[in-house]
Full PDB file with SEQRES, HELIX, SHEET, SSBOND, CRYST1, ORIGX, SCALE, CONECT and MASTER records, all heavy atoms in Angstrom:
SEQRES   1 A   26  PHE THR ARG ARG LEU THR SER SER ASP PHE VAL GLY PHE          
SEQRES   2 A   26  TRP TYR SER TRP SER ARG ILE SER PHE ALA THR VAL SER          
HELIX    1 AA1 SER A    7  PHE A   10  1                                   4    
HELIX    2 AA2 SER A   18  VAL A   25  1                                   8    
CRYST1    1.000    1.000    1.000  90.00  90.00  90.00 P 1           1          
ORIGX1      1.000000  0.000000  0.000000        0.00000                         
ORIGX2      0.000000  1.000000  0.000000        0.00000                         
ORIGX3      0.000000  0.000000  1.000000        0.00000                         
SCALE1      1.000000  0.000000  0.000000        0.00000                         
SCALE2      0.000000  1.000000  0.000000        0.00000                         
SCALE3      0.000000  0.000000  1.000000        0.00000                         
ATOM      1  N   PHE A   1      96.514  88.854 114.235  1.00  0.00           N  
ATOM      2  CA  PHE A   1      97.549  87.840 114.466  1.00  0.00           C  
ATOM      3  C   PHE A   1      98.833  88.220 115.253  1.00  0.00           C  
ATOM      4  O   PHE A   1      99.134  87.607 116.114  1.00  0.00           O  
ATOM      5  CB  PHE A   1      98.050  87.367 112.982  1.00  0.00           C  
ATOM      6  CG  PHE A   1      99.111  86.293 112.889  1.00  0.00           C  
ATOM      7  CD1 PHE A   1      98.913  84.918 113.006  1.00  0.00           C  
ATOM      8  CD2 PHE A   1     100.500  86.779 112.940  1.00  0.00           C  
ATOM      9  CE1 PHE A   1      99.898  84.164 113.030  1.00  0.00           C  
ATOM     10  CE2 PHE A   1     101.518  85.856 112.873  1.00  0.00           C  
ATOM     11  CZ  PHE A   1     101.217  84.479 113.017  1.00  0.00           C  
ATOM     12  N   THR A   2      99.270  89.539 114.975  1.00  0.00           N  
ATOM     13  CA  THR A   2     100.392  90.086 115.608  1.00  0.00           C  
ATOM     14  C   THR A   2     100.002  90.422 117.087  1.00  0.00           C  
ATOM     15  O   THR A   2     100.790  90.180 117.945  1.00  0.00           O  
ATOM     16  CB  THR A   2     100.836  91.299 114.822  1.00  0.00           C  
ATOM     17  OG1 THR A   2     101.080  90.919 113.489  1.00  0.00           O  
ATOM     18  CG2 THR A   2     102.189  91.798 115.477  1.00  0.00           C  
ATOM     19  N   ARG A   3      98.788  90.947 117.297  1.00  0.00           N  
ATOM     20  CA  ARG A   3      98.383  91.203 118.744  1.00  0.00           C  
ATOM     21  C   ARG A   3      98.433  90.048 119.534  1.00  0.00           C  
ATOM     22  O   ARG A   3      98.777  90.171 120.675  1.00  0.00           O  
ATOM     23  CB  ARG A   3      96.890  91.960 118.599  1.00  0.00           C  
ATOM     24  CG  ARG A   3      96.467  92.259 120.047  1.00  0.00           C  
ATOM     25  CD  ARG A   3      95.055  92.562 120.032  1.00  0.00           C  
ATOM     26  NE  ARG A   3      94.731  93.833 119.190  1.00  0.00           N  
ATOM     27  CZ  ARG A   3      94.072  93.914 118.004  1.00  0.00           C  
ATOM     28  NH1 ARG A   3      93.408  92.778 117.604  1.00  0.00           N  
ATOM     29  NH2 ARG A   3      93.821  95.011 117.435  1.00  0.00           N  
ATOM     30  N   ARG A   4      98.035  88.834 119.060  1.00  0.00           N  
ATOM     31  CA  ARG A   4      97.914  87.680 119.829  1.00  0.00           C  
ATOM     32  C   ARG A   4      99.128  86.781 119.909  1.00  0.00           C  
ATOM     33  O   ARG A   4      99.218  85.837 120.658  1.00  0.00           O  
ATOM     34  CB  ARG A   4      96.841  86.753 119.233  1.00  0.00           C  
ATOM     35  CG  ARG A   4      95.356  87.454 119.375  1.00  0.00           C  
ATOM     36  CD  ARG A   4      94.389  86.501 118.667  1.00  0.00           C  
ATOM     37  NE  ARG A   4      93.100  87.166 118.704  1.00  0.00           N  
ATOM     38  CZ  ARG A   4      92.153  87.158 119.703  1.00  0.00           C  
ATOM     39  NH1 ARG A   4      92.529  86.487 120.744  1.00  0.00           N  
ATOM     40  NH2 ARG A   4      91.016  87.733 119.643  1.00  0.00           N  
ATOM     41  N   LEU A   5     100.273  87.295 119.430  1.00  0.00           N  
ATOM     42  CA  LEU A   5     101.539  86.610 119.664  1.00  0.00           C  
ATOM     43  C   LEU A   5     102.089  86.744 121.122  1.00  0.00           C  
ATOM     44  O   LEU A   5     101.768  87.888 121.741  1.00  0.00           O  
ATOM     45  CB  LEU A   5     102.602  87.283 118.791  1.00  0.00           C  
ATOM     46  CG  LEU A   5     102.520  87.037 117.154  1.00  0.00           C  
ATOM     47  CD1 LEU A   5     103.606  87.728 116.465  1.00  0.00           C  
ATOM     48  CD2 LEU A   5     102.386  85.531 116.858  1.00  0.00           C  
ATOM     49  N   THR A   6     102.510  85.685 121.658  1.00  0.00           N  
ATOM     50  CA  THR A   6     102.990  85.868 123.069  1.00  0.00           C  
ATOM     51  C   THR A   6     104.459  85.499 123.127  1.00  0.00           C  
ATOM     52  O   THR A   6     105.107  85.290 122.026  1.00  0.00           O  
ATOM     53  CB  THR A   6     102.117  84.720 123.825  1.00  0.00           C  
ATOM     54  OG1 THR A   6     102.535  83.357 123.383  1.00  0.00           O  
ATOM     55  CG2 THR A   6     100.675  84.830 123.677  1.00  0.00           C  
ATOM     56  N   SER A   7     104.907  85.482 124.290  1.00  0.00           N  
ATOM     57  CA  SER A   7     106.429  85.300 124.575  1.00  0.00           C  
ATOM     58  C   SER A   7     106.848  83.988 124.010  1.00  0.00           C  
ATOM     59  O   SER A   7     107.961  83.837 123.518  1.00  0.00           O  
ATOM     60  CB  SER A   7     106.664  85.511 126.091  1.00  0.00           C  
ATOM     61  OG  SER A   7     105.975  84.494 126.796  1.00  0.00           O  
ATOM     62  N   SER A   8     106.029  82.983 123.943  1.00  0.00           N  
ATOM     63  CA  SER A   8     106.361  81.637 123.582  1.00  0.00           C  
ATOM     64  C   SER A   8     106.569  81.708 122.051  1.00  0.00           C  
ATOM     65  O   SER A   8     107.273  80.876 121.468  1.00  0.00           O  
ATOM     66  CB  SER A   8     105.346  80.584 123.832  1.00  0.00           C  
ATOM     67  OG  SER A   8     104.009  80.926 123.133  1.00  0.00           O  
ATOM     68  N   ASP A   9     105.879  82.650 121.345  1.00  0.00           N  
ATOM     69  CA  ASP A   9     106.195  82.786 119.850  1.00  0.00           C  
ATOM     70  C   ASP A   9     107.348  83.549 119.461  1.00  0.00           C  
ATOM     71  O   ASP A   9     107.924  83.507 118.397  1.00  0.00           O  
ATOM     72  CB  ASP A   9     104.896  83.489 119.222  1.00  0.00           C  
ATOM     73  CG  ASP A   9     103.734  82.723 119.350  1.00  0.00           C  
ATOM     74  OD1 ASP A   9     103.482  81.605 118.994  1.00  0.00           O  
ATOM     75  OD2 ASP A   9     102.716  83.312 120.093  1.00  0.00           O  
ATOM     76  N   PHE A  10     107.908  84.321 120.503  1.00  0.00           N  
ATOM     77  CA  PHE A  10     109.197  85.203 120.321  1.00  0.00           C  
ATOM     78  C   PHE A  10     110.445  84.479 120.487  1.00  0.00           C  
ATOM     79  O   PHE A  10     111.525  84.919 120.248  1.00  0.00           O  
ATOM     80  CB  PHE A  10     109.010  86.485 121.087  1.00  0.00           C  
ATOM     81  CG  PHE A  10     107.937  87.285 120.693  1.00  0.00           C  
ATOM     82  CD1 PHE A  10     107.230  88.012 121.678  1.00  0.00           C  
ATOM     83  CD2 PHE A  10     107.316  87.363 119.294  1.00  0.00           C  
ATOM     84  CE1 PHE A  10     106.050  88.901 121.319  1.00  0.00           C  
ATOM     85  CE2 PHE A  10     106.274  88.113 118.951  1.00  0.00           C  
ATOM     86  CZ  PHE A  10     105.560  88.853 120.060  1.00  0.00           C  
ATOM     87  N   VAL A  11     110.336  83.349 121.226  1.00  0.00           N  
ATOM     88  CA  VAL A  11     111.610  82.789 121.758  1.00  0.00           C  
ATOM     89  C   VAL A  11     112.365  81.879 120.736  1.00  0.00           C  
ATOM     90  O   VAL A  11     113.469  81.649 120.819  1.00  0.00           O  
ATOM     91  CB  VAL A  11     111.353  81.813 123.090  1.00  0.00           C  
ATOM     92  CG1 VAL A  11     110.856  82.515 124.094  1.00  0.00           C  
ATOM     93  CG2 VAL A  11     110.394  80.735 122.641  1.00  0.00           C  
ATOM     94  N   GLY A  12     111.581  81.486 119.744  1.00  0.00           N  
ATOM     95  CA  GLY A  12     112.161  80.704 118.555  1.00  0.00           C  
ATOM     96  C   GLY A  12     112.976  81.562 117.543  1.00  0.00           C  
ATOM     97  O   GLY A  12     113.107  82.723 117.749  1.00  0.00           O  
ATOM     98  N   PHE A  13     113.587  80.794 116.691  1.00  0.00           N  
ATOM     99  CA  PHE A  13     114.384  81.430 115.619  1.00  0.00           C  
ATOM    100  C   PHE A  13     113.339  82.073 114.593  1.00  0.00           C  
ATOM    101  O   PHE A  13     112.467  81.347 114.090  1.00  0.00           O  
ATOM    102  CB  PHE A  13     115.279  80.362 114.922  1.00  0.00           C  
ATOM    103  CG  PHE A  13     116.140  80.942 113.878  1.00  0.00           C  
ATOM    104  CD1 PHE A  13     117.319  81.509 114.055  1.00  0.00           C  
ATOM    105  CD2 PHE A  13     115.600  80.821 112.596  1.00  0.00           C  
ATOM    106  CE1 PHE A  13     117.981  82.068 113.029  1.00  0.00           C  
ATOM    107  CE2 PHE A  13     116.382  81.288 111.400  1.00  0.00           C  
ATOM    108  CZ  PHE A  13     117.501  81.902 111.744  1.00  0.00           C  
ATOM    109  N   TRP A  14     113.571  83.258 114.156  1.00  0.00           N  
ATOM    110  CA  TRP A  14     112.863  83.989 113.203  1.00  0.00           C  
ATOM    111  C   TRP A  14     113.925  84.365 112.155  1.00  0.00           C  
ATOM    112  O   TRP A  14     115.025  84.878 112.457  1.00  0.00           O  
ATOM    113  CB  TRP A  14     112.191  85.100 113.806  1.00  0.00           C  
ATOM    114  CG  TRP A  14     110.878  84.917 114.473  1.00  0.00           C  
ATOM    115  CD1 TRP A  14     110.840  84.250 115.774  1.00  0.00           C  
ATOM    116  CD2 TRP A  14     109.661  85.187 114.226  1.00  0.00           C  
ATOM    117  NE1 TRP A  14     109.546  84.166 116.209  1.00  0.00           N  
ATOM    118  CE2 TRP A  14     108.746  84.846 115.206  1.00  0.00           C  
ATOM    119  CE3 TRP A  14     109.093  85.927 113.025  1.00  0.00           C  
ATOM    120  CZ2 TRP A  14     107.443  85.038 115.213  1.00  0.00           C  
ATOM    121  CZ3 TRP A  14     107.683  86.175 113.033  1.00  0.00           C  
ATOM    122  CH2 TRP A  14     106.806  85.742 113.995  1.00  0.00           C  
ATOM    123  N   TYR A  15     113.483  84.282 110.837  1.00  0.00           N  
ATOM    124  CA  TYR A  15     114.310  84.610 109.818  1.00  0.00           C  
ATOM    125  C   TYR A  15     114.530  86.171 109.897  1.00  0.00           C  
ATOM    126  O   TYR A  15     113.656  86.920 110.190  1.00  0.00           O  
ATOM    127  CB  TYR A  15     113.797  84.285 108.458  1.00  0.00           C  
ATOM    128  CG  TYR A  15     113.640  82.808 108.368  1.00  0.00           C  
ATOM    129  CD1 TYR A  15     112.335  82.210 108.616  1.00  0.00           C  
ATOM    130  CD2 TYR A  15     114.594  81.961 107.866  1.00  0.00           C  
ATOM    131  CE1 TYR A  15     112.179  80.721 108.459  1.00  0.00           C  
ATOM    132  CE2 TYR A  15     114.457  80.465 107.830  1.00  0.00           C  
ATOM    133  CZ  TYR A  15     113.206  79.975 108.135  1.00  0.00           C  
ATOM    134  OH  TYR A  15     113.124  78.659 108.085  1.00  0.00           O  
ATOM    135  N   SER A  16     115.757  86.599 109.615  1.00  0.00           N  
ATOM    136  CA  SER A  16     116.018  88.008 109.711  1.00  0.00           C  
ATOM    137  C   SER A  16     115.255  88.838 108.776  1.00  0.00           C  
ATOM    138  O   SER A  16     114.992  90.069 109.111  1.00  0.00           O  
ATOM    139  CB  SER A  16     117.477  88.313 109.455  1.00  0.00           C  
ATOM    140  OG  SER A  16     117.972  88.021 108.164  1.00  0.00           O  
ATOM    141  N   TRP A  17     114.806  88.340 107.642  1.00  0.00           N  
ATOM    142  CA  TRP A  17     114.024  89.167 106.739  1.00  0.00           C  
ATOM    143  C   TRP A  17     112.572  89.432 107.233  1.00  0.00           C  
ATOM    144  O   TRP A  17     111.859  90.186 106.636  1.00  0.00           O  
ATOM    145  CB  TRP A  17     114.040  88.544 105.335  1.00  0.00           C  
ATOM    146  CG  TRP A  17     113.737  87.056 105.318  1.00  0.00           C  
ATOM    147  CD1 TRP A  17     114.736  86.072 105.058  1.00  0.00           C  
ATOM    148  CD2 TRP A  17     112.515  86.383 105.269  1.00  0.00           C  
ATOM    149  NE1 TRP A  17     114.230  84.853 104.964  1.00  0.00           N  
ATOM    150  CE2 TRP A  17     112.869  85.000 105.243  1.00  0.00           C  
ATOM    151  CE3 TRP A  17     111.278  86.650 105.630  1.00  0.00           C  
ATOM    152  CZ2 TRP A  17     111.973  83.946 105.278  1.00  0.00           C  
ATOM    153  CZ3 TRP A  17     110.296  85.663 105.723  1.00  0.00           C  
ATOM    154  CH2 TRP A  17     110.716  84.297 105.574  1.00  0.00           C  
ATOM    155  N   SER A  18     112.183  88.750 108.232  1.00  0.00           N  
ATOM    156  CA  SER A  18     110.856  89.023 108.964  1.00  0.00           C  
ATOM    157  C   SER A  18     110.771  90.366 109.444  1.00  0.00           C  
ATOM    158  O   SER A  18     109.705  90.951 109.470  1.00  0.00           O  
ATOM    159  CB  SER A  18     110.663  88.043 110.114  1.00  0.00           C  
ATOM    160  OG  SER A  18     110.588  86.783 109.716  1.00  0.00           O  
ATOM    161  N   ARG A  19     111.899  90.984 109.769  1.00  0.00           N  
ATOM    162  CA  ARG A  19     111.906  92.436 110.216  1.00  0.00           C  
ATOM    163  C   ARG A  19     111.358  93.332 109.078  1.00  0.00           C  
ATOM    164  O   ARG A  19     110.636  94.213 109.375  1.00  0.00           O  
ATOM    165  CB  ARG A  19     113.329  92.724 110.549  1.00  0.00           C  
ATOM    166  CG  ARG A  19     113.512  94.129 111.314  1.00  0.00           C  
ATOM    167  CD  ARG A  19     115.029  94.276 111.700  1.00  0.00           C  
ATOM    168  NE  ARG A  19     115.897  94.318 110.618  1.00  0.00           N  
ATOM    169  CZ  ARG A  19     116.346  95.494 110.046  1.00  0.00           C  
ATOM    170  NH1 ARG A  19     115.832  96.612 110.702  1.00  0.00           N  
ATOM    171  NH2 ARG A  19     117.139  95.541 108.997  1.00  0.00           N  
ATOM    172  N   ILE A  20     111.755  93.087 107.776  1.00  0.00           N  
ATOM    173  CA  ILE A  20     111.306  93.818 106.752  1.00  0.00           C  
ATOM    174  C   ILE A  20     109.868  93.532 106.540  1.00  0.00           C  
ATOM    175  O   ILE A  20     109.053  94.510 105.969  1.00  0.00           O  
ATOM    176  CB  ILE A  20     112.039  93.454 105.420  1.00  0.00           C  
ATOM    177  CG1 ILE A  20     113.693  93.555 105.719  1.00  0.00           C  
ATOM    178  CG2 ILE A  20     111.807  94.451 104.338  1.00  0.00           C  
ATOM    179  CD1 ILE A  20     114.464  93.054 104.610  1.00  0.00           C  
ATOM    180  N   SER A  21     109.342  92.409 106.751  1.00  0.00           N  
ATOM    181  CA  SER A  21     107.915  92.028 106.606  1.00  0.00           C  
ATOM    182  C   SER A  21     107.023  92.875 107.503  1.00  0.00           C  
ATOM    183  O   SER A  21     106.031  93.285 107.088  1.00  0.00           O  
ATOM    184  CB  SER A  21     107.704  90.618 106.934  1.00  0.00           C  
ATOM    185  OG  SER A  21     108.536  89.704 106.018  1.00  0.00           O  
ATOM    186  N   PHE A  22     107.482  93.159 108.674  1.00  0.00           N  
ATOM    187  CA  PHE A  22     106.607  93.902 109.550  1.00  0.00           C  
ATOM    188  C   PHE A  22     106.488  95.409 109.065  1.00  0.00           C  
ATOM    189  O   PHE A  22     105.492  95.998 109.177  1.00  0.00           O  
ATOM    190  CB  PHE A  22     107.176  93.924 111.047  1.00  0.00           C  
ATOM    191  CG  PHE A  22     106.999  92.690 111.826  1.00  0.00           C  
ATOM    192  CD1 PHE A  22     107.861  91.761 112.013  1.00  0.00           C  
ATOM    193  CD2 PHE A  22     105.663  92.372 112.207  1.00  0.00           C  
ATOM    194  CE1 PHE A  22     107.702  90.617 112.747  1.00  0.00           C  
ATOM    195  CE2 PHE A  22     105.402  91.212 112.900  1.00  0.00           C  
ATOM    196  CZ  PHE A  22     106.436  90.273 113.204  1.00  0.00           C  
ATOM    197  N   ALA A  23     107.663  95.941 108.471  1.00  0.00           N  
ATOM    198  CA  ALA A  23     107.600  97.178 107.850  1.00  0.00           C  
ATOM    199  C   ALA A  23     106.669  97.165 106.648  1.00  0.00           C  
ATOM    200  O   ALA A  23     105.988  98.134 106.282  1.00  0.00           O  
ATOM    201  CB  ALA A  23     108.853  97.647 107.517  1.00  0.00           C  
ATOM    202  N   THR A  24     106.582  95.985 105.911  1.00  0.00           N  
ATOM    203  CA  THR A  24     105.818  95.988 104.700  1.00  0.00           C  
ATOM    204  C   THR A  24     104.304  95.949 105.160  1.00  0.00           C  
ATOM    205  O   THR A  24     103.570  96.577 104.404  1.00  0.00           O  
ATOM    206  CB  THR A  24     106.040  94.630 103.969  1.00  0.00           C  
ATOM    207  OG1 THR A  24     107.508  94.523 103.676  1.00  0.00           O  
ATOM    208  CG2 THR A  24     105.167  94.474 102.744  1.00  0.00           C  
ATOM    209  N   VAL A  25     103.965  95.483 106.268  1.00  0.00           N  
ATOM    210  CA  VAL A  25     102.529  95.578 106.703  1.00  0.00           C  
ATOM    211  C   VAL A  25     102.133  96.894 107.048  1.00  0.00           C  
ATOM    212  O   VAL A  25     101.156  97.435 106.554  1.00  0.00           O  
ATOM    213  CB  VAL A  25     102.385  94.635 108.027  1.00  0.00           C  
ATOM    214  CG1 VAL A  25     100.955  94.847 108.501  1.00  0.00           C  
ATOM    215  CG2 VAL A  25     102.704  93.199 107.721  1.00  0.00           C  
ATOM    216  N   SER A  26     103.198  97.671 107.618  1.00  0.00           N  
ATOM    217  CA  SER A  26     102.869  99.164 107.833  1.00  0.00           C  
ATOM    218  C   SER A  26     102.569  99.915 106.598  1.00  0.00           C  
ATOM    219  O   SER A  26     101.580 100.670 106.517  1.00  0.00           O  
ATOM    220  CB  SER A  26     104.008  99.746 108.655  1.00  0.00           C  
ATOM    221  OG  SER A  26     104.244  99.257 109.958  1.00  0.00           O  
TER     222      SER A  26                                                      
MASTER        0    0    0    2    0    0    0    6  221    1    0    2          
END                                                                             
C-alpha cells in the first residue's frame, strides 16, 4: 500500500498522528 502511494496521495491533508502510525508499522 505504501509503495504504491503517489504524489496525488501526498498533496491532501493528513492527520499529524499518521506520522506515529508509520513508525508503528516499522
